[in-house]
Amino acid sequence: MFDRLLNQIHSKHNNRQNDPRPFEVLWKKTCAELGERKNATAYAQWKQQSIIKNASDYEALSNELAREWADTTVKQDEDGQQTCIFSFPERFEELKRQHEALKPRAKIKIDDILEVAIAYWIEARNAFNEQDSLRSLHALLECNFYLGMTYSPKTESESKREIASKAPLSSRDALEEIAFEVMRDFVVPDKLESMDFVLEEIVKQIRVHPGGSEALQDYDKHVQKRKPTNEHIDHRVADALAKWGKSGKPYKRMKPVYDRIRKEFEEKQVSAKHKARNM
């Protein structure tokens, strides 16, 4: 039962989270925070407060409303009916209106919910090992409750992400898609003088890659509309690849393939110099 529940948590992390971190990282993070919070209930309360961006505003408004409520006098009429008289009734009504109008602002990720589910799972397992069946059952119920929340319909951000993934690629995105495929399998040729020559060789391979020529043309049209230039497209694309590869922006997957190519180029340069000295 415990293994099946943990597998469900693991599966939801992988399937509902965009670009999920390794599950082991999520597990370690939860364990560390659980050690600070001492129990899963406190963890759940802390997590709720951490994801509500205006929690402090809500608390401050509640405290001010409570002070206005406390600042009252009680008047009793001849029939024995008691009435609360506010010192500043208009102020109290305004605070009450603000309190009712204030809505929590929260950006919730699936992993936020799964953290709490994991915390309750750990508490349930520990209680089970200690033969405390009542506490274990309570924690299991809470764990299933939070896990069940991840079976909700898609969040707004998930829906937007899915729509974006199905939308036609921009000219820059289409070029990056092909450039990544080329660079992923690229083998640095011998006797290239600099990384500029390496990048120009990559552009040549993009041009002969299926769909590559069209991607280059579309990208060129887009650039020329924004900032007309006489510089050859191959040079401009090489510069773009260097920028994407060095910074990882806006395409973070480009950095590791660029770093691998640069390292391979540098190793071949060192090897070539070593051979030249030994000749």
Protein backbone atom coordinates (compact mmCIF):
# COMPACT_ATOMS: atom_id res chain seq x y z
CA MET A 1 0.00 0.00 0.00
CA PHE A 2 2.77 2.43 0.92
CA ASP A 3 4.74 1.57 -2.24
CA ARG A 4 1.68 2.02 -4.47
CA LEU A 5 0.90 5.41 -2.92
CA LEU A 6 4.47 6.59 -3.31
CA ASN A 7 4.49 5.45 -6.95
CA GLN A 8 1.35 7.52 -7.55
CA ILE A 9 3.04 10.60 -6.07
CA HIS A 10 6.11 9.96 -8.25
CA SER A 11 3.94 9.55 -11.36
CA LYS A 12 2.04 12.79 -10.75
CA HIS A 13 5.32 14.66 -10.30
CA ASN A 14 6.58 13.41 -13.67
CA ASN A 15 3.33 13.82 -15.62
CA ARG A 16 1.82 17.08 -14.36
CA GLN A 17 4.95 19.14 -13.70
CA ASN A 18 6.46 21.18 -16.52
CA ASP A 19 10.15 20.31 -16.96
CA PRO A 20 10.18 18.37 -13.65
CA ARG A 21 13.27 18.26 -11.48
CA PRO A 22 14.39 14.75 -10.49
CA PHE A 23 11.99 13.24 -7.97
CA GLU A 24 14.91 12.61 -5.62
CA VAL A 25 15.49 16.38 -5.43
CA LEU A 26 11.85 16.98 -4.49
CA TRP A 27 12.07 14.19 -1.89
CA LYS A 28 15.23 15.60 -0.27
CA LYS A 29 13.79 19.12 -0.22
CA THR A 30 10.64 17.88 1.51
CA CYS A 31 12.61 15.83 4.06
CA ALA A 32 14.79 18.83 4.94
CA GLU A 33 11.79 21.14 5.40
CA LEU A 34 9.87 18.48 7.31
CA GLY A 35 12.77 18.30 9.74
CA GLU A 36 12.34 22.03 10.35
CA ARG A 37 8.54 21.89 10.67
CA LYS A 38 8.57 18.75 12.89
CA ASN A 39 5.29 17.29 11.53
CA ALA A 40 3.24 17.12 8.34
CA THR A 41 0.41 19.32 9.65
CA ALA A 42 2.82 22.17 10.34
CA TYR A 43 4.38 21.53 6.92
CA ALA A 44 0.97 21.88 5.24
CA GLN A 45 0.28 25.15 7.08
CA TRP A 46 3.72 26.54 6.18
CA LYS A 47 3.33 25.56 2.52
CA GLN A 48 -0.08 27.20 2.32
CA GLN A 49 1.29 30.44 3.74
CA SER A 50 4.33 30.36 1.45
CA ILE A 51 2.32 30.13 -1.78
CA ILE A 52 -0.24 32.82 -0.87
CA LYS A 53 1.52 35.99 -1.98
CA ASN A 54 -0.73 38.40 -0.10
CA ALA A 55 -1.03 36.40 3.13
CA SER A 56 0.57 39.23 5.13
CA ASP A 57 -1.98 41.72 3.72
CA TYR A 58 -4.82 39.42 4.73
CA GLU A 59 -3.38 38.95 8.24
CA ALA A 60 -2.85 42.69 8.73
CA LEU A 61 -6.39 43.47 7.60
CA SER A 62 -7.82 40.77 9.87
CA ASN A 63 -5.92 42.14 12.87
CA GLU A 64 -7.10 45.68 12.18
CA LEU A 65 -10.68 44.48 11.82
CA ALA A 66 -10.35 42.62 15.14
CA ARG A 67 -9.10 45.78 16.88
CA GLU A 68 -12.05 47.77 15.56
CA TRP A 69 -14.40 45.02 16.75
CA ALA A 70 -12.82 45.09 20.20
CA ASP A 71 -13.20 48.85 20.42
CA THR A 72 -16.93 48.73 21.11
CA THR A 73 -19.26 49.52 23.97
CA VAL A 74 -22.30 47.47 24.86
CA LYS A 75 -25.58 49.32 25.43
CA GLN A 76 -28.60 47.65 26.99
CA ASP A 77 -32.11 49.01 26.44
CA GLU A 78 -35.14 48.83 28.74
CA ASP A 79 -36.16 45.42 27.38
CA GLY A 80 -32.75 43.95 28.21
CA GLN A 81 -31.60 43.84 24.56
CA GLN A 82 -27.88 44.44 24.14
CA THR A 83 -26.41 46.40 21.24
CA CYS A 84 -22.76 46.83 20.30
CA ILE A 85 -21.83 50.42 19.57
CA PHE A 86 -18.71 50.92 17.46
CA SER A 87 -16.48 53.88 18.18
CA PHE A 88 -15.98 54.37 14.44
CA PRO A 89 -18.79 52.44 12.65
CA GLU A 90 -17.86 53.77 9.19
CA ARG A 91 -14.29 52.58 9.64
CA PHE A 92 -15.46 49.15 10.75
CA GLU A 93 -17.78 48.78 7.75
CA GLU A 94 -15.00 49.84 5.37
CA LEU A 95 -12.55 47.31 6.86
CA LYS A 96 -15.22 44.62 6.68
CA ARG A 97 -15.80 45.41 3.00
CA GLN A 98 -12.06 45.29 2.26
CA HIS A 99 -11.72 42.00 4.13
CA GLU A 100 -14.54 40.39 2.16
CA ALA A 101 -13.17 41.74 -1.14
CA LEU A 102 -9.59 40.58 -0.54
CA LYS A 103 -8.90 37.40 -2.50
CA PRO A 104 -5.80 35.25 -2.01
CA ARG A 105 -3.18 35.58 -4.74
CA ALA A 106 -1.44 32.27 -5.20
CA LYS A 107 0.56 30.57 -7.91
CA ILE A 108 0.35 26.88 -7.09
CA LYS A 109 2.48 24.22 -8.72
CA ILE A 110 1.70 20.53 -8.63
CA ASP A 111 4.93 19.95 -6.71
CA ASP A 112 3.71 22.30 -3.95
CA ILE A 113 0.82 19.92 -3.31
CA LEU A 114 2.97 16.83 -3.70
CA GLU A 115 5.41 18.14 -1.08
CA VAL A 116 2.62 18.03 1.49
CA ALA A 117 1.54 14.57 0.29
CA ILE A 118 5.13 13.34 0.72
CA ALA A 119 5.32 14.86 4.22
CA TYR A 120 2.17 12.99 5.26
CA TRP A 121 3.43 9.80 3.57
CA ILE A 122 6.64 9.94 5.62
CA GLU A 123 4.66 10.58 8.81
CA ALA A 124 2.35 7.66 8.02
CA ARG A 125 5.25 5.32 7.31
CA ASN A 126 7.08 6.30 10.49
CA ALA A 127 3.93 5.81 12.57
CA PHE A 128 3.36 2.42 10.93
CA ASN A 129 6.92 1.36 11.76
CA GLU A 130 6.29 2.43 15.37
CA GLN A 131 3.05 0.39 15.36
CA ASP A 132 0.93 3.49 15.91
CA SER A 133 -1.89 2.45 13.60
CA LEU A 134 -4.24 5.33 14.48
CA ARG A 135 -1.69 8.06 13.66
CA SER A 136 -0.61 6.16 10.56
CA LEU A 137 -4.19 5.95 9.29
CA HIS A 138 -4.77 9.66 9.88
CA ALA A 139 -1.60 10.58 7.97
CA LEU A 140 -2.49 8.22 5.12
CA LEU A 141 -5.91 9.87 4.78
CA GLU A 142 -4.28 13.30 4.61
CA CYS A 143 -1.70 12.04 2.11
CA ASN A 144 -4.45 10.68 -0.16
CA PHE A 145 -6.38 13.94 0.20
CA TYR A 146 -3.47 16.04 -1.08
CA LEU A 147 -2.61 13.50 -3.77
CA GLY A 148 -6.24 13.63 -4.88
CA MET A 149 -5.92 17.38 -5.41
CA THR A 150 -3.41 16.69 -8.20
CA TYR A 151 -6.10 14.76 -10.11
CA SER A 152 -7.97 18.04 -10.58
CA PRO A 153 -8.60 19.45 -14.07
CA LYS A 154 -5.65 21.17 -15.71
CA THR A 155 -4.63 24.44 -14.16
CA GLU A 156 -4.76 27.66 -16.19
CA SER A 157 -0.97 27.65 -16.61
CA GLU A 158 -1.01 24.03 -17.78
CA SER A 159 -3.71 24.80 -20.34
CA LYS A 160 -1.80 27.81 -21.65
CA ARG A 161 1.37 25.75 -21.89
CA GLU A 162 -0.44 23.01 -23.83
CA ILE A 163 -1.95 25.54 -26.24
CA ALA A 164 1.47 27.12 -26.75
CA SER A 165 3.05 23.73 -27.43
CA LYS A 166 0.52 23.09 -30.21
CA ALA A 167 0.82 26.52 -31.76
CA PRO A 168 2.98 27.01 -34.86
CA LEU A 169 6.61 27.71 -34.03
CA SER A 170 7.95 31.21 -34.56
CA SER A 171 10.73 31.56 -37.13
CA ARG A 172 13.32 31.79 -34.35
CA ASP A 173 11.91 28.76 -32.50
CA ALA A 174 11.81 26.73 -35.72
CA LEU A 175 15.45 27.57 -36.42
CA GLU A 176 16.45 26.66 -32.85
CA GLU A 177 14.66 23.32 -33.17
CA ILE A 178 16.76 22.33 -36.21
CA ALA A 179 19.95 23.92 -34.83
CA PHE A 180 19.61 21.86 -31.66
CA GLU A 181 19.23 18.62 -33.64
CA VAL A 182 22.31 19.46 -35.71
CA MET A 183 24.45 20.54 -32.74
CA ARG A 184 23.41 17.54 -30.66
CA ASP A 185 25.03 15.16 -33.17
CA PHE A 186 27.73 17.51 -34.44
CA VAL A 187 31.32 16.25 -34.57
CA VAL A 188 33.94 19.01 -34.66
CA PRO A 189 36.10 18.65 -37.82
CA ASP A 190 39.86 18.73 -37.53
CA LYS A 191 41.91 21.83 -38.45
CA LEU A 192 39.27 24.47 -37.73
CA GLU A 193 40.94 27.67 -36.57
CA SER A 194 38.34 29.08 -34.18
CA MET A 195 34.86 28.63 -32.73
CA ASP A 196 33.62 31.08 -35.37
CA PHE A 197 34.59 28.55 -38.05
CA VAL A 198 32.91 25.78 -36.01
CA LEU A 199 29.66 27.74 -35.83
CA GLU A 200 29.77 28.51 -39.54
CA GLU A 201 30.18 24.79 -40.22
CA ILE A 202 27.11 24.14 -38.07
CA VAL A 203 25.14 26.69 -40.12
CA LYS A 204 26.18 24.83 -43.30
CA GLN A 205 24.81 21.60 -41.84
CA ILE A 206 21.59 23.38 -40.81
CA ARG A 207 21.16 24.49 -44.43
CA VAL A 208 21.25 20.89 -45.75
CA HIS A 209 19.22 19.49 -42.84
CA PRO A 210 15.56 18.64 -43.68
CA GLY A 211 13.62 21.89 -43.35
CA GLY A 212 16.79 23.80 -42.54
CA SER A 213 16.93 25.96 -45.65
CA GLU A 214 13.32 27.06 -45.16
CA ALA A 215 13.96 27.79 -41.49
CA LEU A 216 16.93 29.99 -42.37
CA GLN A 217 14.90 31.91 -44.97
CA ASP A 218 11.98 32.48 -42.57
CA TYR A 219 14.36 33.60 -39.83
CA ASP A 220 16.07 35.99 -42.27
CA LYS A 221 12.74 37.54 -43.28
CA HIS A 222 11.85 38.06 -39.62
CA VAL A 223 15.20 39.71 -38.84
CA GLN A 224 15.10 41.93 -41.92
CA LYS A 225 11.67 43.25 -40.93
CA ARG A 226 12.87 44.17 -37.46
CA LYS A 227 16.38 45.39 -38.29
CA PRO A 228 17.44 45.43 -41.95
CA THR A 229 21.10 44.51 -42.50
CA ASN A 230 23.46 43.59 -45.34
CA GLU A 231 25.38 41.08 -43.23
CA HIS A 232 25.22 37.55 -44.64
CA ILE A 233 22.62 35.36 -42.96
CA ASP A 234 25.16 32.61 -42.19
CA HIS A 235 27.20 35.05 -40.07
CA ARG A 236 24.11 36.32 -38.27
CA VAL A 237 22.89 32.81 -37.48
CA ALA A 238 26.37 31.83 -36.26
CA ASP A 239 26.30 34.83 -33.92
CA ALA A 240 22.82 33.82 -32.71
CA LEU A 241 23.97 30.25 -32.01
CA ALA A 242 26.91 31.58 -30.00
CA LYS A 243 24.60 33.85 -27.99
CA TRP A 244 22.08 31.10 -27.30
CA GLY A 245 24.81 28.62 -26.46
CA LYS A 246 26.82 30.84 -24.12
CA SER A 247 23.89 32.22 -22.13
CA GLY A 248 21.30 29.48 -22.49
CA LYS A 249 18.76 32.23 -23.20
CA PRO A 250 16.09 31.95 -24.36
CA TYR A 251 16.83 28.26 -25.06
CA LYS A 252 18.42 26.65 -22.02
CA ARG A 253 18.91 23.30 -23.78
CA MET A 254 21.36 24.95 -26.19
CA LYS A 255 23.98 25.62 -23.52
CA PRO A 256 25.00 22.01 -22.77
CA VAL A 257 25.32 21.10 -26.47
CA TYR A 258 27.28 24.30 -27.14
CA ASP A 259 29.58 23.62 -24.15
CA ARG A 260 30.18 20.07 -25.40
CA ILE A 261 31.13 21.33 -28.88
CA ARG A 262 33.40 24.05 -27.47
CA LYS A 263 35.15 21.54 -25.21
CA GLU A 264 35.65 19.15 -28.13
CA PHE A 265 37.08 21.99 -30.24
CA GLU A 266 39.50 23.03 -27.48
CA GLU A 267 40.68 19.45 -26.98
CA LYS A 268 41.36 19.10 -30.70
CA GLN A 269 43.27 22.38 -30.68
CA VAL A 270 45.48 21.17 -27.83
CA SER A 271 46.02 17.83 -29.57
CA ALA A 272 46.95 19.55 -32.85
CA LYS A 273 49.50 21.80 -31.08
CA HIS A 274 50.97 18.80 -29.29
CA LYS A 275 51.41 16.94 -32.59
CA ALA A 276 52.97 20.00 -34.22
CA ARG A 277 55.59 20.27 -31.49
CA ASN A 278 56.51 16.59 -31.82
CA MET A 279 57.00 16.73 -35.58
